[in-house]
Every structure is written in C-alpha cells, then in structure tokens.
C-alpha cells in the first residue's frame, strides 16, 4: 500500500511537470533566427517631385512559430547602415548624410530601430495580419501590416508615417509653403526575409 502511494505521487509529479513544460513550450513556440546576410529591407520615400529608395541592414531578428503557424517575432534594424541606391556620387552622399542627420533619423543618437510583434492573426494559407510595436528615435507606435510565409522565406510590406516618430522635416503636416520641396509623411519598407 505504501509503495503504491509513492508510485502514484511520482506519477502525479511527473504529469504536473509534463503539463508545465508543455504549457511553456507551447506559448513560446519554435524560434527561427533570421539569416541577416540573406535578407533585405528596402525603403522608399516620396516627395512632390519624385521618390528615392535604398536599403537598411537587419542587425538581428527572429520569427516564432507554434505548430507551423506564425505567432510572434522581433527585429532590430541597423540605422547606421541606411543607404540610398538610386543616386550616385555627391548626390548619394548628401542624401545619405541628410537622412542620418537630426533632420531625419538622428542615427548617431539612435543607431537602431526595433519592431516587436504584439499580435498575429492568420488570414489565409501562408498569410498573416501582424500588429507590432515599431520604435524609431525612441518613439514607439503600433502598426499593422500583412506578412506572407513560404517555406523558409517571409515577405512583409510596411507603410510608416514618419511624423509619428518625430521625423517632421519637409512635412506639409507641419510646414506651409514647401511647394515642390515637400516630402510625403508616409514611406514604405519592403522586407524579404530568410530564416
């Protein structure tokens, strides 16, 4: 009788441990690191007289999956890597210098930007609606975007209002009489990720 009680206690304890372990592993899911050297983030900004585009490197990132479904993710962008790709020579250097200056992203003071998923909703096969906290220049705002996942690759297009993050230079929302020097508030980030 005494041995039977001990066996039951041992089985009970094992079951409790299994439930606890299963619960925690289910919540966290499987973390897949982003291959930063095989991934790209392209930016595109618009002004009255045209547009410019370029790239930003990912410093780090991961996606979290539970039973094959996306449930979370987090990314850090290296703002010091901000580069223009549609100009050359002096004009390219001037634009990059201006974008890195205090007028725009103040990269010396804020060398990284971050994105942390807060909610992920499946919208179809391989498709998700992601809500995330985006932090630029120490300002954090919630944004929602679509993400697609195929095998070990993911794509996402984000539309960001720069004025939400204190980037007001050339914005018609804050300055009058800019005419053809006006820069639109929204810019695009197009991400092609591999994990």
C-alpha atoms as a PDB file:
ATOM      1  CA  UNK A   1       0.000   0.000   0.000  1.00  0.00           C
ATOM      2  CA  UNK A   2       2.801   2.400   0.969  1.00  0.00           C
ATOM      3  CA  UNK A   3       4.695   1.650  -2.302  1.00  0.00           C
ATOM      4  CA  UNK A   4       1.524   2.219  -4.311  1.00  0.00           C
ATOM      5  CA  UNK A   5       1.062   5.700  -2.759  1.00  0.00           C
ATOM      6  CA  UNK A   6       4.671   6.613  -3.557  1.00  0.00           C
ATOM      7  CA  UNK A   7       4.232   5.426  -7.148  1.00  0.00           C
ATOM      8  CA  UNK A   8       1.054   7.497  -7.504  1.00  0.00           C
ATOM      9  CA  UNK A   9       2.854  10.554  -6.081  1.00  0.00           C
ATOM     10  CA  UNK A  10       5.749  10.057  -8.512  1.00  0.00           C
ATOM     11  CA  UNK A  11       3.386   9.643 -11.491  1.00  0.00           C
ATOM     12  CA  UNK A  12       1.387  12.708 -10.355  1.00  0.00           C
ATOM     13  CA  UNK A  13       4.540  14.821 -10.038  1.00  0.00           C
ATOM     14  CA  UNK A  14       5.746  13.676 -13.471  1.00  0.00           C
ATOM     15  CA  UNK A  15       2.393  14.580 -15.023  1.00  0.00           C
ATOM     16  CA  UNK A  16       2.423  18.044 -13.417  1.00  0.00           C
ATOM     17  CA  UNK A  17       5.976  18.638 -14.703  1.00  0.00           C
ATOM     18  CA  UNK A  18       4.964  17.478 -18.194  1.00  0.00           C
ATOM     19  CA  UNK A  19       1.956  19.846 -18.227  1.00  0.00           C
ATOM     20  CA  UNK A  20       4.097  22.782 -17.029  1.00  0.00           C
ATOM     21  CA  UNK A  21       6.818  22.074 -19.596  1.00  0.00           C
ATOM     22  CA  UNK A  22       4.269  21.610 -22.391  1.00  0.00           C
ATOM     23  CA  UNK A  23       2.463  24.838 -21.440  1.00  0.00           C
ATOM     24  CA  UNK A  24       5.620  26.928 -21.533  1.00  0.00           C
ATOM     25  CA  UNK A  25       6.946  25.418 -24.758  1.00  0.00           C
ATOM     26  CA  UNK A  26       3.553  25.896 -26.438  1.00  0.00           C
ATOM     27  CA  UNK A  27       3.427  29.585 -25.504  1.00  0.00           C
ATOM     28  CA  UNK A  28       6.964  30.261 -26.664  1.00  0.00           C
ATOM     29  CA  UNK A  29       6.878  28.134 -29.789  1.00  0.00           C
ATOM     30  CA  UNK A  30       9.811  27.464 -32.086  1.00  0.00           C
ATOM     31  CA  UNK A  31      12.150  30.422 -32.532  1.00  0.00           C
ATOM     32  CA  UNK A  32      13.718  30.719 -36.001  1.00  0.00           C
ATOM     33  CA  UNK A  33      16.593  33.184 -36.384  1.00  0.00           C
ATOM     34  CA  UNK A  34      16.631  35.431 -39.452  1.00  0.00           C
ATOM     35  CA  UNK A  35      19.634  34.972 -41.750  1.00  0.00           C
ATOM     36  CA  UNK A  36      20.559  38.666 -41.886  1.00  0.00           C
ATOM     37  CA  UNK A  37      23.100  38.166 -44.685  1.00  0.00           C
ATOM     38  CA  UNK A  38      20.398  36.649 -46.924  1.00  0.00           C
ATOM     39  CA  UNK A  39      17.589  39.057 -46.001  1.00  0.00           C
ATOM     40  CA  UNK A  40      16.866  42.569 -47.229  1.00  0.00           C
ATOM     41  CA  UNK A  41      14.892  45.625 -46.140  1.00  0.00           C
ATOM     42  CA  UNK A  42      14.254  48.197 -48.887  1.00  0.00           C
ATOM     43  CA  UNK A  43      12.914  51.681 -48.072  1.00  0.00           C
ATOM     44  CA  UNK A  44      11.130  54.034 -50.454  1.00  0.00           C
ATOM     45  CA  UNK A  45      10.345  57.659 -49.664  1.00  0.00           C
ATOM     46  CA  UNK A  46       8.184  60.006 -51.721  1.00  0.00           C
ATOM     47  CA  UNK A  47       8.265  63.726 -52.432  1.00  0.00           C
ATOM     48  CA  UNK A  48       6.267  66.029 -54.714  1.00  0.00           C
ATOM     49  CA  UNK A  49       8.941  65.858 -57.423  1.00  0.00           C
ATOM     50  CA  UNK A  50       9.577  62.094 -57.300  1.00  0.00           C
ATOM     51  CA  UNK A  51      10.938  59.451 -54.935  1.00  0.00           C
ATOM     52  CA  UNK A  52      14.118  57.891 -53.552  1.00  0.00           C
ATOM     53  CA  UNK A  53      14.885  54.367 -52.435  1.00  0.00           C
ATOM     54  CA  UNK A  54      17.574  52.471 -50.613  1.00  0.00           C
ATOM     55  CA  UNK A  55      18.324  49.777 -48.075  1.00  0.00           C
ATOM     56  CA  UNK A  56      18.707  49.187 -44.332  1.00  0.00           C
ATOM     57  CA  UNK A  57      20.517  46.174 -42.860  1.00  0.00           C
ATOM     58  CA  UNK A  58      18.990  43.964 -40.206  1.00  0.00           C
ATOM     59  CA  UNK A  59      21.148  43.677 -37.101  1.00  0.00           C
ATOM     60  CA  UNK A  60      19.144  40.722 -35.788  1.00  0.00           C
ATOM     61  CA  UNK A  61      15.718  39.138 -35.936  1.00  0.00           C
ATOM     62  CA  UNK A  62      13.635  36.053 -35.350  1.00  0.00           C
ATOM     63  CA  UNK A  63      10.177  34.665 -36.010  1.00  0.00           C
ATOM     64  CA  UNK A  64       8.298  32.391 -33.600  1.00  0.00           C
ATOM     65  CA  UNK A  65       6.146  29.508 -34.833  1.00  0.00           C
ATOM     66  CA  UNK A  66       3.706  27.274 -32.996  1.00  0.00           C
ATOM     67  CA  UNK A  67       2.690  24.075 -34.820  1.00  0.00           C
ATOM     68  CA  UNK A  68       3.855  25.628 -38.105  1.00  0.00           C
ATOM     69  CA  UNK A  69       1.868  28.851 -37.602  1.00  0.00           C
ATOM     70  CA  UNK A  70       3.472  32.274 -37.083  1.00  0.00           C
ATOM     71  CA  UNK A  71       2.803  33.528 -33.529  1.00  0.00           C
ATOM     72  CA  UNK A  72       5.494  36.168 -32.890  1.00  0.00           C
ATOM     73  CA  UNK A  73       8.653  37.913 -33.991  1.00  0.00           C
ATOM     74  CA  UNK A  74      11.173  40.630 -33.257  1.00  0.00           C
ATOM     75  CA  UNK A  75      13.641  42.625 -35.382  1.00  0.00           C
ATOM     76  CA  UNK A  76      16.418  45.155 -34.859  1.00  0.00           C
ATOM     77  CA  UNK A  77      17.418  47.388 -37.794  1.00  0.00           C
ATOM     78  CA  UNK A  78      20.870  48.942 -38.052  1.00  0.00           C
ATOM     79  CA  UNK A  79      20.052  52.593 -38.843  1.00  0.00           C
ATOM     80  CA  UNK A  80      23.739  53.406 -39.391  1.00  0.00           C
ATOM     81  CA  UNK A  81      23.588  51.161 -42.490  1.00  0.00           C
ATOM     82  CA  UNK A  82      20.893  53.348 -44.110  1.00  0.00           C
ATOM     83  CA  UNK A  83      21.880  53.668 -47.765  1.00  0.00           C
ATOM     84  CA  UNK A  84      20.497  55.301 -50.918  1.00  0.00           C
ATOM     85  CA  UNK A  85      20.540  53.170 -54.088  1.00  0.00           C
ATOM     86  CA  UNK A  86      19.063  55.417 -56.814  1.00  0.00           C
ATOM     87  CA  UNK A  87      21.660  58.223 -56.789  1.00  0.00           C
ATOM     88  CA  UNK A  88      25.424  58.263 -57.307  1.00  0.00           C
ATOM     89  CA  UNK A  89      28.443  60.236 -56.150  1.00  0.00           C
ATOM     90  CA  UNK A  90      27.938  63.559 -54.370  1.00  0.00           C
ATOM     91  CA  UNK A  91      24.116  63.466 -54.524  1.00  0.00           C
ATOM     92  CA  UNK A  92      24.043  59.983 -52.975  1.00  0.00           C
ATOM     93  CA  UNK A  93      26.384  61.067 -50.146  1.00  0.00           C
ATOM     94  CA  UNK A  94      24.386  64.247 -49.487  1.00  0.00           C
ATOM     95  CA  UNK A  95      21.069  62.390 -49.259  1.00  0.00           C
ATOM     96  CA  UNK A  96      22.501  59.660 -47.006  1.00  0.00           C
ATOM     97  CA  UNK A  97      24.086  62.290 -44.755  1.00  0.00           C
ATOM     98  CA  UNK A  98      20.797  64.199 -44.551  1.00  0.00           C
ATOM     99  CA  UNK A  99      18.752  61.064 -43.763  1.00  0.00           C
ATOM    100  CA  UNK A 100      21.207  60.152 -40.983  1.00  0.00           C
ATOM    101  CA  UNK A 101      21.177  63.702 -39.554  1.00  0.00           C
ATOM    102  CA  UNK A 102      18.925  65.118 -36.818  1.00  0.00           C
ATOM    103  CA  UNK A 103      16.529  66.395 -39.534  1.00  0.00           C
ATOM    104  CA  UNK A 104      15.514  62.783 -40.144  1.00  0.00           C
ATOM    105  CA  UNK A 105      16.642  59.674 -38.225  1.00  0.00           C
ATOM    106  CA  UNK A 106      19.478  61.026 -35.996  1.00  0.00           C
ATOM    107  CA  UNK A 107      21.399  57.766 -36.330  1.00  0.00           C
ATOM    108  CA  UNK A 108      24.322  58.865 -34.159  1.00  0.00           C
ATOM    109  CA  UNK A 109      21.959  59.198 -31.202  1.00  0.00           C
ATOM    110  CA  UNK A 110      19.571  56.393 -32.263  1.00  0.00           C
ATOM    111  CA  UNK A 111      21.667  53.753 -34.100  1.00  0.00           C
ATOM    112  CA  UNK A 112      18.922  51.098 -34.109  1.00  0.00           C
ATOM    113  CA  UNK A 113      15.182  50.824 -34.712  1.00  0.00           C
ATOM    114  CA  UNK A 114      13.086  47.938 -33.425  1.00  0.00           C
ATOM    115  CA  UNK A 115       9.960  46.003 -34.330  1.00  0.00           C
ATOM    116  CA  UNK A 116       8.235  43.684 -31.825  1.00  0.00           C
ATOM    117  CA  UNK A 117       5.159  41.660 -32.791  1.00  0.00           C
ATOM    118  CA  UNK A 118       2.272  42.080 -30.322  1.00  0.00           C
ATOM    119  CA  UNK A 119      -0.495  40.188 -32.175  1.00  0.00           C
ATOM    120  CA  UNK A 120      -0.537  37.759 -35.108  1.00  0.00           C
ATOM    121  CA  UNK A 121      -3.730  36.702 -36.868  1.00  0.00           C
ATOM    122  CA  UNK A 122      -3.897  34.108 -39.650  1.00  0.00           C
ATOM    123  CA  UNK A 123      -5.774  35.491 -42.677  1.00  0.00           C
ATOM    124  CA  UNK A 124      -5.369  32.542 -45.051  1.00  0.00           C
ATOM    125  CA  UNK A 125      -2.852  29.958 -46.207  1.00  0.00           C
ATOM    126  CA  UNK A 126       0.649  31.387 -45.551  1.00  0.00           C
ATOM    127  CA  UNK A 127      -0.852  34.854 -44.849  1.00  0.00           C
ATOM    128  CA  UNK A 128      -0.939  36.805 -41.580  1.00  0.00           C
ATOM    129  CA  UNK A 129      -2.038  40.170 -40.268  1.00  0.00           C
ATOM    130  CA  UNK A 130       0.639  41.350 -37.835  1.00  0.00           C
ATOM    131  CA  UNK A 131       0.306  44.103 -35.260  1.00  0.00           C
ATOM    132  CA  UNK A 132       3.637  45.264 -33.879  1.00  0.00           C
ATOM    133  CA  UNK A 133       5.303  47.999 -31.859  1.00  0.00           C
ATOM    134  CA  UNK A 134       7.726  49.927 -34.083  1.00  0.00           C
ATOM    135  CA  UNK A 135      10.347  52.041 -32.307  1.00  0.00           C
ATOM    136  CA  UNK A 136      12.203  54.780 -34.200  1.00  0.00           C
ATOM    137  CA  UNK A 137      14.138  57.561 -32.395  1.00  0.00           C
ATOM    138  CA  UNK A 138      12.832  56.312 -29.021  1.00  0.00           C
ATOM    139  CA  UNK A 139       9.212  56.781 -30.169  1.00  0.00           C
ATOM    140  CA  UNK A 140       7.090  53.622 -30.154  1.00  0.00           C
ATOM    141  CA  UNK A 141       3.844  53.332 -32.131  1.00  0.00           C
ATOM    142  CA  UNK A 142       1.655  50.367 -33.026  1.00  0.00           C
ATOM    143  CA  UNK A 143       1.444  49.453 -36.726  1.00  0.00           C
ATOM    144  CA  UNK A 144      -0.394  46.714 -38.629  1.00  0.00           C
ATOM    145  CA  UNK A 145       0.855  45.043 -41.804  1.00  0.00           C
ATOM    146  CA  UNK A 146       0.488  41.888 -43.908  1.00  0.00           C
ATOM    147  CA  UNK A 147       3.117  39.130 -43.835  1.00  0.00           C
ATOM    148  CA  UNK A 148       3.405  36.092 -46.104  1.00  0.00           C
ATOM    149  CA  UNK A 149       5.458  32.992 -45.312  1.00  0.00           C
ATOM    150  CA  UNK A 150       6.549  30.352 -47.835  1.00  0.00           C
ATOM    151  CA  UNK A 151       8.869  27.624 -46.578  1.00  0.00           C
ATOM    152  CA  UNK A 152      11.858  29.376 -45.001  1.00  0.00           C
ATOM    153  CA  UNK A 153      11.092  32.793 -46.524  1.00  0.00           C
ATOM    154  CA  UNK A 154       8.868  35.662 -45.396  1.00  0.00           C
ATOM    155  CA  UNK A 155       7.819  38.928 -47.028  1.00  0.00           C
ATOM    156  CA  UNK A 156       6.197  41.997 -45.491  1.00  0.00           C
ATOM    157  CA  UNK A 157       5.290  45.481 -46.722  1.00  0.00           C
ATOM    158  CA  UNK A 158       5.047  48.219 -44.088  1.00  0.00           C
ATOM    159  CA  UNK A 159       3.669  51.711 -44.652  1.00  0.00           C
ATOM    160  CA  UNK A 160       5.022  54.059 -41.983  1.00  0.00           C
ATOM    161  CA  UNK A 161       4.066  57.638 -41.123  1.00  0.00           C
ATOM    162  CA  UNK A 162       7.432  59.168 -40.201  1.00  0.00           C
ATOM    163  CA  UNK A 163       5.808  62.065 -38.294  1.00  0.00           C
ATOM    164  CA  UNK A 164       4.587  59.540 -35.673  1.00  0.00           C
ATOM    165  CA  UNK A 165       8.273  59.108 -34.788  1.00  0.00           C
ATOM    166  CA  UNK A 166       9.255  62.777 -34.660  1.00  0.00           C
ATOM    167  CA  UNK A 167      10.599  62.921 -38.242  1.00  0.00           C
ATOM    168  CA  UNK A 168       8.956  66.151 -39.436  1.00  0.00           C
ATOM    169  CA  UNK A 169      11.449  67.635 -41.913  1.00  0.00           C
ATOM    170  CA  UNK A 170       9.720  68.793 -45.129  1.00  0.00           C
ATOM    171  CA  UNK A 171       6.302  67.588 -43.955  1.00  0.00           C
ATOM    172  CA  UNK A 172       3.260  69.506 -45.229  1.00  0.00           C
ATOM    173  CA  UNK A 173       1.546  68.423 -41.999  1.00  0.00           C
ATOM    174  CA  UNK A 174       3.857  70.767 -40.075  1.00  0.00           C
ATOM    175  CA  UNK A 175       5.202  73.345 -42.541  1.00  0.00           C
ATOM    176  CA  UNK A 176       3.435  75.693 -45.003  1.00  0.00           C
ATOM    177  CA  UNK A 177       4.723  76.955 -48.377  1.00  0.00           C
ATOM    178  CA  UNK A 178       7.014  73.980 -49.058  1.00  0.00           C
ATOM    179  CA  UNK A 179       5.686  73.678 -52.622  1.00  0.00           C
ATOM    180  CA  UNK A 180       7.909  71.308 -54.634  1.00  0.00           C
ATOM    181  CA  UNK A 181      10.229  70.770 -51.632  1.00  0.00           C
ATOM    182  CA  UNK A 182       7.502  68.874 -49.744  1.00  0.00           C
ATOM    183  CA  UNK A 183       8.244  65.297 -48.657  1.00  0.00           C
ATOM    184  CA  UNK A 184       5.297  62.994 -48.030  1.00  0.00           C
ATOM    185  CA  UNK A 185       4.801  61.730 -44.481  1.00  0.00           C
ATOM    186  CA  UNK A 186       4.467  58.050 -45.389  1.00  0.00           C
ATOM    187  CA  UNK A 187       7.314  55.868 -46.556  1.00  0.00           C
ATOM    188  CA  UNK A 188       7.450  52.158 -47.406  1.00  0.00           C
ATOM    189  CA  UNK A 189       9.582  49.337 -46.027  1.00  0.00           C
ATOM    190  CA  UNK A 190       9.630  46.160 -48.125  1.00  0.00           C
ATOM    191  CA  UNK A 191      11.173  43.173 -46.339  1.00  0.00           C
ATOM    192  CA  UNK A 192      12.361  39.907 -47.890  1.00  0.00           C
ATOM    193  CA  UNK A 193      13.465  37.607 -45.097  1.00  0.00           C
ATOM    194  CA  UNK A 194      15.106  34.201 -44.939  1.00  0.00           C
ATOM    195  CA  UNK A 195      15.258  32.031 -41.821  1.00  0.00           C
END
